[in-house]
Amino acid sequence: MNVQSPPKMSFDEFMRWGQHQDRKYELVRGVPVMLPWVRLKHSRIVMALVQTIGPQLKGTAFELADAEFALRTGDDSSRFADLLVIPAGLSGDTPHIDDAIVVVEVLSPSTQHNDFGPKREEYLGLKSLDTYLIFSADEPRVWQWTRNEDGAFEIEPIILEDRAATIALARLGVTIPLADIYSDPKGVRSDA
């Protein structure tokens, strides 16, 4: 059996190719990789983050971008993080960003190894990045990497596991109470 891998693409080739696909792909070291479907739990966390962070960014030099917006992480890599904080005022026609300030991922069972592995390495390599956050979709748990005063990231993240905890994004003047993100929707079925 002869299995051929797809040809490697540059970032620009990928951006042109991706516009004609029915599903969303990331570019990983030159190779397009299809993104998995997400669960409703995942979407609830992202929506709670938008509702919590968005109002705090009004009138600032920053704005939110969702998972439909490409983040260039290298010459041959592009990711679609669940949520980005980016500089405000970019052209509405901008198809991607190179300089995210905050990157947020919500864990999915099929992407956990990437969120803590290759994606973490790519995100922490961005010169503009101040904070990388990974939210569990299943329980109140957040992993936080924030650039320190020396301009480096700690190898080990801060782990927040208490619903009463608050994440402080000092550079942005934003706080994220975990109670706002992990509130239980009324009438949630166990299969939701």
C-alpha atoms as a PDB file:
ATOM      1  CA  MET A   1       0.000   0.000   0.000  1.00  0.00           C
ATOM      2  CA  ASN A   2       1.364   3.397  -0.987  1.00  0.00           C
ATOM      3  CA  VAL A   3       0.215   6.214   1.296  1.00  0.00           C
ATOM      4  CA  GLN A   4       1.321   9.670   0.269  1.00  0.00           C
ATOM      5  CA  SER A   5       1.507  12.490   2.729  1.00  0.00           C
ATOM      6  CA  PRO A   6       0.222  15.874   1.579  1.00  0.00           C
ATOM      7  CA  PRO A   7       2.839  18.223   0.157  1.00  0.00           C
ATOM      8  CA  LYS A   8       4.247  20.728   2.617  1.00  0.00           C
ATOM      9  CA  MET A   9       2.854  24.239   2.358  1.00  0.00           C
ATOM     10  CA  SER A  10       4.134  27.663   3.263  1.00  0.00           C
ATOM     11  CA  PHE A  11       1.946  29.836   5.457  1.00  0.00           C
ATOM     12  CA  ASP A  12       0.774  31.891   2.445  1.00  0.00           C
ATOM     13  CA  GLU A  13      -0.041  28.759   0.407  1.00  0.00           C
ATOM     14  CA  PHE A  14      -1.985  27.370   3.357  1.00  0.00           C
ATOM     15  CA  MET A  15      -4.009  30.572   3.775  1.00  0.00           C
ATOM     16  CA  ARG A  16      -5.040  30.446   0.096  1.00  0.00           C
ATOM     17  CA  TRP A  17      -5.789  26.697   0.220  1.00  0.00           C
ATOM     18  CA  GLY A  18      -7.719  26.913   3.505  1.00  0.00           C
ATOM     19  CA  GLN A  19     -10.257  29.375   2.084  1.00  0.00           C
ATOM     20  CA  HIS A  20     -11.600  26.607  -0.171  1.00  0.00           C
ATOM     21  CA  GLN A  21     -12.009  23.868   2.451  1.00  0.00           C
ATOM     22  CA  ASP A  22     -15.275  22.744   4.042  1.00  0.00           C
ATOM     23  CA  ARG A  23     -13.608  22.057   7.408  1.00  0.00           C
ATOM     24  CA  LYS A  24     -11.053  24.042   9.384  1.00  0.00           C
ATOM     25  CA  TYR A  25      -7.392  23.044   9.353  1.00  0.00           C
ATOM     26  CA  GLU A  26      -4.296  24.145  11.198  1.00  0.00           C
ATOM     27  CA  LEU A  27      -0.887  24.229   9.539  1.00  0.00           C
ATOM     28  CA  VAL A  28       1.615  22.218  11.551  1.00  0.00           C
ATOM     29  CA  ARG A  29       5.193  22.442  10.310  1.00  0.00           C
ATOM     30  CA  GLY A  30       3.924  22.804   6.744  1.00  0.00           C
ATOM     31  CA  VAL A  31       1.270  20.067   6.890  1.00  0.00           C
ATOM     32  CA  PRO A  32      -2.497  20.793   7.031  1.00  0.00           C
ATOM     33  CA  VAL A  33      -4.168  19.044   9.992  1.00  0.00           C
ATOM     34  CA  MET A  34      -7.979  18.940  10.270  1.00  0.00           C
ATOM     35  CA  LEU A  35      -9.389  20.241  13.539  1.00  0.00           C
ATOM     36  CA  PRO A  36     -11.738  17.998  15.539  1.00  0.00           C
ATOM     37  CA  TRP A  37     -15.338  18.771  16.408  1.00  0.00           C
ATOM     38  CA  VAL A  38     -15.835  20.198  19.898  1.00  0.00           C
ATOM     39  CA  ARG A  39     -18.305  19.320  22.651  1.00  0.00           C
ATOM     40  CA  LEU A  40     -20.926  21.689  24.040  1.00  0.00           C
ATOM     41  CA  LYS A  41     -18.952  21.920  27.309  1.00  0.00           C
ATOM     42  CA  HIS A  42     -16.094  23.371  25.302  1.00  0.00           C
ATOM     43  CA  SER A  43     -18.324  25.976  23.682  1.00  0.00           C
ATOM     44  CA  ARG A  44     -19.813  26.989  27.044  1.00  0.00           C
ATOM     45  CA  ILE A  45     -16.351  27.776  28.429  1.00  0.00           C
ATOM     46  CA  VAL A  46     -15.435  29.860  25.374  1.00  0.00           C
ATOM     47  CA  MET A  47     -18.717  31.788  25.497  1.00  0.00           C
ATOM     48  CA  ALA A  48     -18.295  32.473  29.240  1.00  0.00           C
ATOM     49  CA  LEU A  49     -14.786  33.790  28.553  1.00  0.00           C
ATOM     50  CA  VAL A  50     -16.087  36.099  25.819  1.00  0.00           C
ATOM     51  CA  GLN A  51     -18.794  37.415  28.167  1.00  0.00           C
ATOM     52  CA  THR A  52     -16.260  37.936  30.979  1.00  0.00           C
ATOM     53  CA  ILE A  53     -13.290  39.362  29.069  1.00  0.00           C
ATOM     54  CA  GLY A  54     -15.050  41.258  26.277  1.00  0.00           C
ATOM     55  CA  PRO A  55     -16.652  44.027  28.367  1.00  0.00           C
ATOM     56  CA  GLN A  56     -13.357  44.618  30.204  1.00  0.00           C
ATOM     57  CA  LEU A  57     -11.569  45.302  26.895  1.00  0.00           C
ATOM     58  CA  LYS A  58     -14.020  47.975  25.681  1.00  0.00           C
ATOM     59  CA  GLY A  59     -12.203  51.249  25.100  1.00  0.00           C
ATOM     60  CA  THR A  60      -8.737  49.669  25.490  1.00  0.00           C
ATOM     61  CA  ALA A  61      -5.973  48.938  22.988  1.00  0.00           C
ATOM     62  CA  PHE A  62      -7.088  45.292  22.821  1.00  0.00           C
ATOM     63  CA  GLU A  63      -9.950  43.215  21.435  1.00  0.00           C
ATOM     64  CA  LEU A  64     -11.063  39.579  21.253  1.00  0.00           C
ATOM     65  CA  ALA A  65     -10.823  37.271  18.258  1.00  0.00           C
ATOM     66  CA  ASP A  66     -12.474  33.854  18.186  1.00  0.00           C
ATOM     67  CA  ALA A  67     -11.510  30.442  16.854  1.00  0.00           C
ATOM     68  CA  GLU A  68     -12.269  31.458  13.270  1.00  0.00           C
ATOM     69  CA  PHE A  69      -9.234  33.745  13.181  1.00  0.00           C
ATOM     70  CA  ALA A  70      -5.813  32.326  12.262  1.00  0.00           C
ATOM     71  CA  LEU A  71      -2.766  32.918  14.437  1.00  0.00           C
ATOM     72  CA  ARG A  72       0.530  32.607  12.597  1.00  0.00           C
ATOM     73  CA  THR A  73       2.965  30.788  14.880  1.00  0.00           C
ATOM     74  CA  GLY A  74       5.819  30.328  12.395  1.00  0.00           C
ATOM     75  CA  ASP A  75       6.851  30.399   8.747  1.00  0.00           C
ATOM     76  CA  ASP A  76       5.088  27.086   8.203  1.00  0.00           C
ATOM     77  CA  SER A  77       2.604  26.983  11.090  1.00  0.00           C
ATOM     78  CA  SER A  78      -0.805  28.460  11.814  1.00  0.00           C
ATOM     79  CA  ARG A  79      -3.174  27.713  14.691  1.00  0.00           C
ATOM     80  CA  PHE A  80      -6.803  28.458  15.483  1.00  0.00           C
ATOM     81  CA  ALA A  81      -6.857  29.040  19.230  1.00  0.00           C
ATOM     82  CA  ASP A  82     -10.235  29.021  20.950  1.00  0.00           C
ATOM     83  CA  LEU A  83      -9.868  32.682  21.894  1.00  0.00           C
ATOM     84  CA  LEU A  84      -7.279  35.404  21.334  1.00  0.00           C
ATOM     85  CA  VAL A  85      -6.689  38.844  22.745  1.00  0.00           C
ATOM     86  CA  ILE A  86      -5.158  40.905  19.946  1.00  0.00           C
ATOM     87  CA  PRO A  87      -4.260  44.554  19.351  1.00  0.00           C
ATOM     88  CA  ALA A  88      -7.399  46.606  18.631  1.00  0.00           C
ATOM     89  CA  GLY A  89      -7.853  48.539  15.425  1.00  0.00           C
ATOM     90  CA  LEU A  90      -6.611  46.044  12.839  1.00  0.00           C
ATOM     91  CA  SER A  91      -8.301  46.111   9.451  1.00  0.00           C
ATOM     92  CA  GLY A  92     -11.467  44.040   9.346  1.00  0.00           C
ATOM     93  CA  ASP A  93     -10.087  42.358   6.229  1.00  0.00           C
ATOM     94  CA  THR A  94      -7.064  40.965   8.075  1.00  0.00           C
ATOM     95  CA  PRO A  95      -7.111  37.158   7.528  1.00  0.00           C
ATOM     96  CA  HIS A  96      -4.631  36.310  10.291  1.00  0.00           C
ATOM     97  CA  ILE A  97      -2.599  37.760  13.148  1.00  0.00           C
ATOM     98  CA  ASP A  98       1.059  37.376  14.040  1.00  0.00           C
ATOM     99  CA  ASP A  99       1.041  39.072  17.441  1.00  0.00           C
ATOM    100  CA  ALA A 100      -1.502  37.785  19.948  1.00  0.00           C
ATOM    101  CA  ILE A 101      -1.241  39.080  23.521  1.00  0.00           C
ATOM    102  CA  VAL A 102      -3.273  36.279  25.161  1.00  0.00           C
ATOM    103  CA  VAL A 103      -3.998  32.820  23.734  1.00  0.00           C
ATOM    104  CA  VAL A 104      -6.702  30.610  25.237  1.00  0.00           C
ATOM    105  CA  GLU A 105      -7.301  26.930  24.534  1.00  0.00           C
ATOM    106  CA  VAL A 106     -10.085  24.805  26.019  1.00  0.00           C
ATOM    107  CA  LEU A 107      -9.123  21.168  26.406  1.00  0.00           C
ATOM    108  CA  SER A 108     -10.767  18.587  24.219  1.00  0.00           C
ATOM    109  CA  PRO A 109      -9.972  14.904  24.774  1.00  0.00           C
ATOM    110  CA  SER A 110      -8.491  14.645  21.290  1.00  0.00           C
ATOM    111  CA  THR A 111      -6.319  17.786  21.513  1.00  0.00           C
ATOM    112  CA  GLN A 112      -4.928  17.670  25.059  1.00  0.00           C
ATOM    113  CA  HIS A 113      -1.529  16.374  23.925  1.00  0.00           C
ATOM    114  CA  ASN A 114      -1.253  19.258  21.414  1.00  0.00           C
ATOM    115  CA  ASP A 115      -2.426  22.002  23.794  1.00  0.00           C
ATOM    116  CA  PHE A 116       0.250  21.047  26.341  1.00  0.00           C
ATOM    117  CA  GLY A 117       2.859  20.056  23.736  1.00  0.00           C
ATOM    118  CA  PRO A 118       3.456  21.542  20.291  1.00  0.00           C
ATOM    119  CA  LYS A 119       0.887  24.340  20.621  1.00  0.00           C
ATOM    120  CA  ARG A 120       2.325  25.426  23.971  1.00  0.00           C
ATOM    121  CA  GLU A 121       5.810  25.566  22.466  1.00  0.00           C
ATOM    122  CA  GLU A 122       4.602  27.581  19.468  1.00  0.00           C
ATOM    123  CA  TYR A 123       2.526  29.998  21.533  1.00  0.00           C
ATOM    124  CA  LEU A 124       5.230  30.600  24.148  1.00  0.00           C
ATOM    125  CA  GLY A 125       7.610  31.326  21.277  1.00  0.00           C
ATOM    126  CA  LEU A 126       5.545  34.329  20.149  1.00  0.00           C
ATOM    127  CA  LYS A 127       7.372  37.546  21.046  1.00  0.00           C
ATOM    128  CA  SER A 128       4.078  39.398  21.589  1.00  0.00           C
ATOM    129  CA  LEU A 129       2.515  36.800  23.901  1.00  0.00           C
ATOM    130  CA  ASP A 130       1.940  37.799  27.522  1.00  0.00           C
ATOM    131  CA  THR A 131      -0.246  34.885  28.704  1.00  0.00           C
ATOM    132  CA  TYR A 132      -1.222  31.386  27.561  1.00  0.00           C
ATOM    133  CA  LEU A 133      -4.251  29.841  29.297  1.00  0.00           C
ATOM    134  CA  ILE A 134      -5.587  26.301  29.046  1.00  0.00           C
ATOM    135  CA  PHE A 135      -9.069  25.728  30.502  1.00  0.00           C
ATOM    136  CA  SER A 136     -10.414  22.293  31.319  1.00  0.00           C
ATOM    137  CA  ALA A 137     -13.876  21.759  29.860  1.00  0.00           C
ATOM    138  CA  ASP A 138     -14.736  19.155  32.497  1.00  0.00           C
ATOM    139  CA  GLU A 139     -13.849  20.770  35.831  1.00  0.00           C
ATOM    140  CA  PRO A 140     -12.676  24.072  37.290  1.00  0.00           C
ATOM    141  CA  ARG A 141      -9.000  23.841  36.338  1.00  0.00           C
ATOM    142  CA  VAL A 142      -6.838  26.339  34.472  1.00  0.00           C
ATOM    143  CA  TRP A 143      -3.159  26.231  33.557  1.00  0.00           C
ATOM    144  CA  GLN A 144      -1.587  29.682  33.206  1.00  0.00           C
ATOM    145  CA  TRP A 145       1.762  30.669  31.712  1.00  0.00           C
ATOM    146  CA  THR A 146       2.526  34.399  32.031  1.00  0.00           C
ATOM    147  CA  ARG A 147       5.672  36.165  30.882  1.00  0.00           C
ATOM    148  CA  ASN A 148       7.685  37.285  33.919  1.00  0.00           C
ATOM    149  CA  GLU A 149       9.519  40.581  34.415  1.00  0.00           C
ATOM    150  CA  ASP A 150      12.629  39.107  32.764  1.00  0.00           C
ATOM    151  CA  GLY A 151      10.595  38.428  29.604  1.00  0.00           C
ATOM    152  CA  ALA A 152      10.625  34.636  29.983  1.00  0.00           C
ATOM    153  CA  PHE A 153       7.907  32.083  30.715  1.00  0.00           C
ATOM    154  CA  GLU A 154       8.176  29.693  33.631  1.00  0.00           C
ATOM    155  CA  ILE A 155       8.470  26.063  32.540  1.00  0.00           C
ATOM    156  CA  GLU A 156       5.740  24.993  34.956  1.00  0.00           C
ATOM    157  CA  PRO A 157       2.373  26.755  34.782  1.00  0.00           C
ATOM    158  CA  ILE A 158       0.354  28.186  37.628  1.00  0.00           C
ATOM    159  CA  ILE A 159      -2.566  25.793  38.146  1.00  0.00           C
ATOM    160  CA  LEU A 160      -5.851  27.182  39.445  1.00  0.00           C
ATOM    161  CA  GLU A 161      -8.386  24.607  40.662  1.00  0.00           C
ATOM    162  CA  ASP A 162     -10.667  26.586  42.945  1.00  0.00           C
ATOM    163  CA  ARG A 163     -13.915  28.036  41.606  1.00  0.00           C
ATOM    164  CA  ALA A 164     -13.267  31.013  43.924  1.00  0.00           C
ATOM    165  CA  ALA A 165      -9.913  31.803  42.223  1.00  0.00           C
ATOM    166  CA  THR A 166      -9.417  34.716  39.845  1.00  0.00           C
ATOM    167  CA  ILE A 167      -7.005  34.979  36.931  1.00  0.00           C
ATOM    168  CA  ALA A 168      -5.377  38.404  36.672  1.00  0.00           C
ATOM    169  CA  LEU A 169      -4.166  39.545  33.253  1.00  0.00           C
ATOM    170  CA  ALA A 170      -2.207  42.523  34.587  1.00  0.00           C
ATOM    171  CA  ARG A 171      -1.014  43.846  31.225  1.00  0.00           C
ATOM    172  CA  LEU A 172      -4.627  44.125  30.078  1.00  0.00           C
ATOM    173  CA  GLY A 173      -6.207  45.178  33.356  1.00  0.00           C
ATOM    174  CA  VAL A 174      -8.519  42.158  33.063  1.00  0.00           C
ATOM    175  CA  THR A 175      -9.648  39.697  35.726  1.00  0.00           C
ATOM    176  CA  ILE A 176     -11.340  36.371  35.080  1.00  0.00           C
ATOM    177  CA  PRO A 177     -13.208  34.943  38.073  1.00  0.00           C
ATOM    178  CA  LEU A 178     -13.372  31.179  37.633  1.00  0.00           C
ATOM    179  CA  ALA A 179     -16.853  31.240  39.165  1.00  0.00           C
ATOM    180  CA  ASP A 180     -18.007  33.166  36.067  1.00  0.00           C
ATOM    181  CA  ILE A 181     -16.465  30.604  33.718  1.00  0.00           C
ATOM    182  CA  TYR A 182     -17.473  27.446  35.556  1.00  0.00           C
ATOM    183  CA  SER A 183     -21.032  28.299  36.533  1.00  0.00           C
ATOM    184  CA  ASP A 184     -23.432  25.396  36.123  1.00  0.00           C
ATOM    185  CA  PRO A 185     -26.089  26.002  33.459  1.00  0.00           C
ATOM    186  CA  LYS A 186     -29.565  25.229  34.764  1.00  0.00           C
ATOM    187  CA  GLY A 187     -31.034  21.922  33.710  1.00  0.00           C
ATOM    188  CA  VAL A 188     -27.799  20.472  32.325  1.00  0.00           C
ATOM    189  CA  ARG A 189     -28.297  16.869  31.328  1.00  0.00           C
ATOM    190  CA  SER A 190     -25.504  14.413  32.082  1.00  0.00           C
ATOM    191  CA  ASP A 191     -25.036  13.721  28.334  1.00  0.00           C
ATOM    192  CA  ALA A 192     -24.602  17.433  27.421  1.00  0.00           C
END
